[in-house]
PDB file of N, CA and C in Angstrom:
ATOM      1  N   MET A   1       3.470  16.134 -13.308  1.00  0.00           N
ATOM      2  CA  MET A   1       2.770  16.159 -12.046  1.00  0.00           C
ATOM      3  C   MET A   1       2.659  14.725 -11.516  1.00  0.00           C
ATOM      4  N   SER A   2       3.232  14.479 -10.358  1.00  0.00           N
ATOM      5  CA  SER A   2       3.202  13.131  -9.801  1.00  0.00           C
ATOM      6  C   SER A   2       1.939  12.920  -8.985  1.00  0.00           C
ATOM      7  N   LYS A   3       1.513  11.680  -8.913  1.00  0.00           N
ATOM      8  CA  LYS A   3       0.314  11.331  -8.164  1.00  0.00           C
ATOM      9  C   LYS A   3       0.709  10.804  -6.796  1.00  0.00           C
ATOM     10  N   THR A   4      -0.235  10.848  -5.887  1.00  0.00           N
ATOM     11  CA  THR A   4      -0.060  10.173  -4.613  1.00  0.00           C
ATOM     12  C   THR A   4      -1.072   9.043  -4.544  1.00  0.00           C
ATOM     13  N   LEU A   5      -0.739   8.039  -3.766  1.00  0.00           N
ATOM     14  CA  LEU A   5      -1.606   6.883  -3.604  1.00  0.00           C
ATOM     15  C   LEU A   5      -2.035   6.784  -2.153  1.00  0.00           C
ATOM     16  N   ARG A   6      -3.289   6.597  -1.938  1.00  0.00           N
ATOM     17  CA  ARG A   6      -3.824   6.375  -0.598  1.00  0.00           C
ATOM     18  C   ARG A   6      -4.091   4.877  -0.482  1.00  0.00           C
ATOM     19  N   ILE A   7      -3.310   4.200   0.368  1.00  0.00           N
ATOM     20  CA  ILE A   7      -3.332   2.742   0.456  1.00  0.00           C
ATOM     21  C   ILE A   7      -3.863   2.334   1.826  1.00  0.00           C
ATOM     22  N   THR A   8      -4.870   1.463   1.840  1.00  0.00           N
ATOM     23  CA  THR A   8      -5.479   0.993   3.076  1.00  0.00           C
ATOM     24  C   THR A   8      -5.407  -0.524   3.138  1.00  0.00           C
ATOM     25  N   LEU A   9      -4.986  -1.062   4.287  1.00  0.00           N
ATOM     26  CA  LEU A   9      -4.954  -2.504   4.502  1.00  0.00           C
ATOM     27  C   LEU A   9      -6.361  -2.975   4.860  1.00  0.00           C
ATOM     28  N   LYS A  10      -6.948  -3.826   4.025  1.00  0.00           N
ATOM     29  CA  LYS A  10      -8.332  -4.258   4.211  1.00  0.00           C
ATOM     30  C   LYS A  10      -8.468  -5.711   4.670  1.00  0.00           C
ATOM     31  N   LYS A  11      -7.426  -6.522   4.539  1.00  0.00           N
ATOM     32  CA  LYS A  11      -7.489  -7.917   4.974  1.00  0.00           C
ATOM     33  C   LYS A  11      -6.338  -8.194   5.922  1.00  0.00           C
ATOM     34  N   SER A  12      -6.565  -9.079   6.863  1.00  0.00           N
ATOM     35  CA  SER A  12      -5.598  -9.389   7.905  1.00  0.00           C
ATOM     36  C   SER A  12      -4.356 -10.091   7.351  1.00  0.00           C
ATOM     37  N   MET A  13      -3.233  -9.895   8.061  1.00  0.00           N
ATOM     38  CA  MET A  13      -1.982 -10.556   7.702  1.00  0.00           C
ATOM     39  C   MET A  13      -1.883 -11.957   8.290  1.00  0.00           C
ATOM     40  N   ILE A  14      -2.826 -12.335   9.143  1.00  0.00           N
ATOM     41  CA  ILE A  14      -2.791 -13.639   9.793  1.00  0.00           C
ATOM     42  C   ILE A  14      -2.887 -14.738   8.736  1.00  0.00           C
ATOM     43  N   GLY A  15      -1.959 -15.677   8.788  1.00  0.00           N
ATOM     44  CA  GLY A  15      -1.956 -16.808   7.869  1.00  0.00           C
ATOM     45  C   GLY A  15      -1.353 -16.511   6.514  1.00  0.00           C
ATOM     46  N   ARG A  16      -0.842 -15.313   6.307  1.00  0.00           N
ATOM     47  CA  ARG A  16      -0.236 -14.948   5.024  1.00  0.00           C
ATOM     48  C   ARG A  16       1.238 -15.317   5.027  1.00  0.00           C
ATOM     49  N   PRO A  17       1.833 -15.522   3.863  1.00  0.00           N
ATOM     50  CA  PRO A  17       3.267 -15.831   3.804  1.00  0.00           C
ATOM     51  C   PRO A  17       4.117 -14.683   4.354  1.00  0.00           C
ATOM     52  N   GLU A  18       5.284 -15.025   4.859  1.00  0.00           N
ATOM     53  CA  GLU A  18       6.191 -14.033   5.428  1.00  0.00           C
ATOM     54  C   GLU A  18       6.558 -12.958   4.408  1.00  0.00           C
ATOM     55  N   LYS A  19       6.663 -13.331   3.150  1.00  0.00           N
ATOM     56  CA  LYS A  19       6.981 -12.371   2.083  1.00  0.00           C
ATOM     57  C   LYS A  19       5.928 -11.261   2.009  1.00  0.00           C
ATOM     58  N   HIS A  20       4.666 -11.639   2.107  1.00  0.00           N
ATOM     59  CA  HIS A  20       3.578 -10.655   2.064  1.00  0.00           C
ATOM     60  C   HIS A  20       3.638  -9.735   3.274  1.00  0.00           C
ATOM     61  N   ARG A  21       3.928 -10.295   4.437  1.00  0.00           N
ATOM     62  CA  ARG A  21       4.021  -9.488   5.653  1.00  0.00           C
ATOM     63  C   ARG A  21       5.130  -8.451   5.535  1.00  0.00           C
ATOM     64  N   ARG A  22       6.275  -8.856   4.980  1.00  0.00           N
ATOM     65  CA  ARG A  22       7.397  -7.924   4.825  1.00  0.00           C
ATOM     66  C   ARG A  22       7.051  -6.794   3.873  1.00  0.00           C
ATOM     67  N   VAL A  23       6.335  -7.107   2.806  1.00  0.00           N
ATOM     68  CA  VAL A  23       5.926  -6.079   1.847  1.00  0.00           C
ATOM     69  C   VAL A  23       4.999  -5.075   2.519  1.00  0.00           C
ATOM     70  N   LEU A  24       4.036  -5.567   3.287  1.00  0.00           N
ATOM     71  CA  LEU A  24       3.100  -4.680   3.968  1.00  0.00           C
ATOM     72  C   LEU A  24       3.806  -3.798   4.990  1.00  0.00           C
ATOM     73  N   HIS A  25       4.765  -4.359   5.719  1.00  0.00           N
ATOM     74  CA  HIS A  25       5.518  -3.560   6.692  1.00  0.00           C
ATOM     75  C   HIS A  25       6.338  -2.483   5.997  1.00  0.00           C
ATOM     76  N   SER A  26       6.911  -2.810   4.847  1.00  0.00           N
ATOM     77  CA  SER A  26       7.716  -1.814   4.129  1.00  0.00           C
ATOM     78  C   SER A  26       6.842  -0.698   3.543  1.00  0.00           C
ATOM     79  N   LEU A  27       5.571  -0.988   3.300  1.00  0.00           N
ATOM     80  CA  LEU A  27       4.640   0.057   2.870  1.00  0.00           C
ATOM     81  C   LEU A  27       4.166   0.904   4.046  1.00  0.00           C
ATOM     82  N   GLY A  28       4.436   0.455   5.280  1.00  0.00           N
ATOM     83  CA  GLY A  28       4.013   1.196   6.465  1.00  0.00           C
ATOM     84  C   GLY A  28       2.679   0.735   7.009  1.00  0.00           C
ATOM     85  N   LEU A  29       2.206  -0.417   6.547  1.00  0.00           N
ATOM     86  CA  LEU A  29       0.910  -0.943   6.993  1.00  0.00           C
ATOM     87  C   LEU A  29       1.136  -2.035   8.029  1.00  0.00           C
ATOM     88  N   ARG A  30       0.728  -1.759   9.262  1.00  0.00           N
ATOM     89  CA  ARG A  30       0.954  -2.702  10.342  1.00  0.00           C
ATOM     90  C   ARG A  30      -0.333  -3.180  10.999  1.00  0.00           C
ATOM     91  N   LYS A  31      -1.418  -2.444  10.836  1.00  0.00           N
ATOM     92  CA  LYS A  31      -2.695  -2.812  11.440  1.00  0.00           C
ATOM     93  C   LYS A  31      -3.805  -2.761  10.399  1.00  0.00           C
ATOM     94  N   LEU A  32      -4.848  -3.515  10.655  1.00  0.00           N
ATOM     95  CA  LEU A  32      -6.006  -3.548   9.779  1.00  0.00           C
ATOM     96  C   LEU A  32      -6.655  -2.168   9.711  1.00  0.00           C
ATOM     97  N   ASN A  33      -7.082  -1.758   8.532  1.00  0.00           N
ATOM     98  CA  ASN A  33      -7.715  -0.466   8.248  1.00  0.00           C
ATOM     99  C   ASN A  33      -6.776   0.726   8.401  1.00  0.00           C
ATOM    100  N   LYS A  34      -5.477   0.482   8.517  1.00  0.00           N
ATOM    101  CA  LYS A  34      -4.491   1.565   8.557  1.00  0.00           C
ATOM    102  C   LYS A  34      -4.336   2.113   7.139  1.00  0.00           C
ATOM    103  N   THR A  35      -4.227   3.439   7.023  1.00  0.00           N
ATOM    104  CA  THR A  35      -4.081   4.092   5.726  1.00  0.00           C
ATOM    105  C   THR A  35      -2.784   4.878   5.689  1.00  0.00           C
ATOM    106  N   VAL A  36      -2.055   4.760   4.573  1.00  0.00           N
ATOM    107  CA  VAL A  36      -0.847   5.545   4.356  1.00  0.00           C
ATOM    108  C   VAL A  36      -0.966   6.250   3.015  1.00  0.00           C
ATOM    109  N   VAL A  37      -0.276   7.383   2.881  1.00  0.00           N
ATOM    110  CA  VAL A  37      -0.247   8.122   1.631  1.00  0.00           C
ATOM    111  C   VAL A  37       1.194   8.125   1.135  1.00  0.00           C
ATOM    112  N   LEU A  38       1.404   7.575  -0.058  1.00  0.00           N
ATOM    113  CA  LEU A  38       2.746   7.468  -0.630  1.00  0.00           C
ATOM    114  C   LEU A  38       2.751   8.023  -2.043  1.00  0.00           C
ATOM    115  N   LYS A  39       3.924   8.482  -2.499  1.00  0.00           N
ATOM    116  CA  LYS A  39       4.067   8.912  -3.885  1.00  0.00           C
ATOM    117  C   LYS A  39       4.051   7.695  -4.786  1.00  0.00           C
ATOM    118  N   GLU A  40       3.515   7.882  -5.985  1.00  0.00           N
ATOM    119  CA  GLU A  40       3.470   6.794  -6.953  1.00  0.00           C
ATOM    120  C   GLU A  40       4.833   6.654  -7.616  1.00  0.00           C
ATOM    121  N   THR A  41       5.509   5.556  -7.321  1.00  0.00           N
ATOM    122  CA  THR A  41       6.803   5.246  -7.930  1.00  0.00           C
ATOM    123  C   THR A  41       6.774   3.788  -8.377  1.00  0.00           C
ATOM    124  N   PRO A  42       7.658   3.390  -9.282  1.00  0.00           N
ATOM    125  CA  PRO A  42       7.676   1.986  -9.713  1.00  0.00           C
ATOM    126  C   PRO A  42       7.872   0.984  -8.568  1.00  0.00           C
ATOM    127  N   PRO A  43       8.776   1.239  -7.586  1.00  0.00           N
ATOM    128  CA  PRO A  43       8.884   0.267  -6.487  1.00  0.00           C
ATOM    129  C   PRO A  43       7.605   0.137  -5.654  1.00  0.00           C
ATOM    130  N   VAL A  44       6.942   1.250  -5.404  1.00  0.00           N
ATOM    131  CA  VAL A  44       5.693   1.205  -4.635  1.00  0.00           C
ATOM    132  C   VAL A  44       4.621   0.468  -5.420  1.00  0.00           C
ATOM    133  N   ARG A  45       4.523   0.720  -6.720  1.00  0.00           N
ATOM    134  CA  ARG A  45       3.545   0.019  -7.557  1.00  0.00           C
ATOM    135  C   ARG A  45       3.802  -1.489  -7.558  1.00  0.00           C
ATOM    136  N   GLY A  46       5.082  -1.896  -7.585  1.00  0.00           N
ATOM    137  CA  GLY A  46       5.433  -3.313  -7.551  1.00  0.00           C
ATOM    138  C   GLY A  46       5.012  -3.974  -6.251  1.00  0.00           C
ATOM    139  N   MET A  47       5.232  -3.272  -5.136  1.00  0.00           N
ATOM    140  CA  MET A  47       4.833  -3.818  -3.839  1.00  0.00           C
ATOM    141  C   MET A  47       3.313  -3.947  -3.754  1.00  0.00           C
ATOM    142  N   ILE A  48       2.611  -2.949  -4.271  1.00  0.00           N
ATOM    143  CA  ILE A  48       1.139  -3.003  -4.272  1.00  0.00           C
ATOM    144  C   ILE A  48       0.661  -4.185  -5.102  1.00  0.00           C
ATOM    145  N   ARG A  49       1.304  -4.431  -6.232  1.00  0.00           N
ATOM    146  CA  ARG A  49       0.903  -5.530  -7.109  1.00  0.00           C
ATOM    147  C   ARG A  49       1.042  -6.885  -6.407  1.00  0.00           C
ATOM    148  N   LYS A  50       2.065  -7.032  -5.557  1.00  0.00           N
ATOM    149  CA  LYS A  50       2.292  -8.301  -4.861  1.00  0.00           C
ATOM    150  C   LYS A  50       1.180  -8.633  -3.865  1.00  0.00           C
ATOM    151  N   VAL A  51       0.621  -7.621  -3.220  1.00  0.00           N
ATOM    152  CA  VAL A  51      -0.388  -7.861  -2.183  1.00  0.00           C
ATOM    153  C   VAL A  51      -1.696  -7.127  -2.488  1.00  0.00           C
ATOM    154  N   SER A  52      -1.998  -6.935  -3.757  1.00  0.00           N
ATOM    155  CA  SER A  52      -3.175  -6.154  -4.158  1.00  0.00           C
ATOM    156  C   SER A  52      -4.484  -6.748  -3.642  1.00  0.00           C
ATOM    157  N   HIS A  53      -4.511  -8.062  -3.418  1.00  0.00           N
ATOM    158  CA  HIS A  53      -5.722  -8.709  -2.932  1.00  0.00           C
ATOM    159  C   HIS A  53      -6.047  -8.337  -1.485  1.00  0.00           C
ATOM    160  N   MET A  54      -5.105  -7.682  -0.788  1.00  0.00           N
ATOM    161  CA  MET A  54      -5.306  -7.308   0.614  1.00  0.00           C
ATOM    162  C   MET A  54      -5.497  -5.805   0.794  1.00  0.00           C
ATOM    163  N   LEU A  55      -5.372  -5.039  -0.285  1.00  0.00           N
ATOM    164  CA  LEU A  55      -5.338  -3.587  -0.183  1.00  0.00           C
ATOM    165  C   LEU A  55      -6.500  -2.925  -0.910  1.00  0.00           C
ATOM    166  N   GLN A  56      -6.741  -1.672  -0.510  1.00  0.00           N
ATOM    167  CA  GLN A  56      -7.617  -0.777  -1.268  1.00  0.00           C
ATOM    168  C   GLN A  56      -6.743   0.417  -1.635  1.00  0.00           C
ATOM    169  N   VAL A  57      -6.653   0.736  -2.921  1.00  0.00           N
ATOM    170  CA  VAL A  57      -5.768   1.802  -3.394  1.00  0.00           C
ATOM    171  C   VAL A  57      -6.596   2.862  -4.104  1.00  0.00           C
ATOM    172  N   GLN A  58      -6.356   4.130  -3.725  1.00  0.00           N
ATOM    173  CA  GLN A  58      -7.011   5.254  -4.381  1.00  0.00           C
ATOM    174  C   GLN A  58      -5.932   6.165  -4.938  1.00  0.00           C
ATOM    175  N   GLU A  59      -6.048   6.527  -6.213  1.00  0.00           N
ATOM    176  CA  GLU A  59      -5.093   7.448  -6.837  1.00  0.00           C
ATOM    177  C   GLU A  59      -5.605   8.866  -6.682  1.00  0.00           C
ATOM    178  N   ARG A  60      -4.687   9.770  -6.378  1.00  0.00           N
ATOM    179  CA  ARG A  60      -5.051  11.191  -6.237  1.00  0.00           C
ATOM    180  C   ARG A  60      -3.967  12.029  -6.877  1.00  0.00           C
ATOM    181  N   PRO A  61      -4.341  13.156  -7.486  1.00  0.00           N
ATOM    182  CA  PRO A  61      -3.317  14.075  -7.959  1.00  0.00           C
ATOM    183  C   PRO A  61      -2.591  14.672  -6.744  1.00  0.00           C
ATOM    184  N   ASN A  62      -1.350  15.039  -6.924  1.00  0.00           N
ATOM    185  CA  ASN A  62      -0.562  15.581  -5.834  1.00  0.00           C
ATOM    186  C   ASN A  62      -1.170  16.892  -5.341  1.00  0.00           C
ATOM    187  N   GLU A  63      -1.470  16.996  -4.051  1.00  0.00           N
ATOM    188  CA  GLU A  63      -2.133  18.178  -3.498  1.00  0.00           C
ATOM    189  C   GLU A  63      -1.197  19.372  -3.371  1.00  0.00           C
ATOM    190  N   THR A  64       0.115  19.141  -3.335  1.00  0.00           N
ATOM    191  CA  THR A  64       1.056  20.260  -3.125  1.00  0.00           C
ATOM    192  C   THR A  64       1.295  21.061  -4.390  1.00  0.00           C
ATOM    193  N   GLU A  65       0.917  20.520  -5.540  1.00  0.00           N
ATOM    194  CA  GLU A  65       1.167  21.236  -6.793  1.00  0.00           C
ATOM    195  C   GLU A  65      -0.085  21.926  -7.289  1.00  0.00           C
TER     196      GLU A  65
END
């Protein structure tokens, strides 16, 4: 059973390195307090780890199963 992650951008991208901005855009986070729901995969976990200081992450069991 795979989990889903609810990821919310809690800190602004202003003044952050370009690398961090690209990671946030690839996660689908473009505005402050925006929330996305993604499946838990190793690439997504790696991206979250890079910018974890700017995010709020909640783990949830997959609702479709």
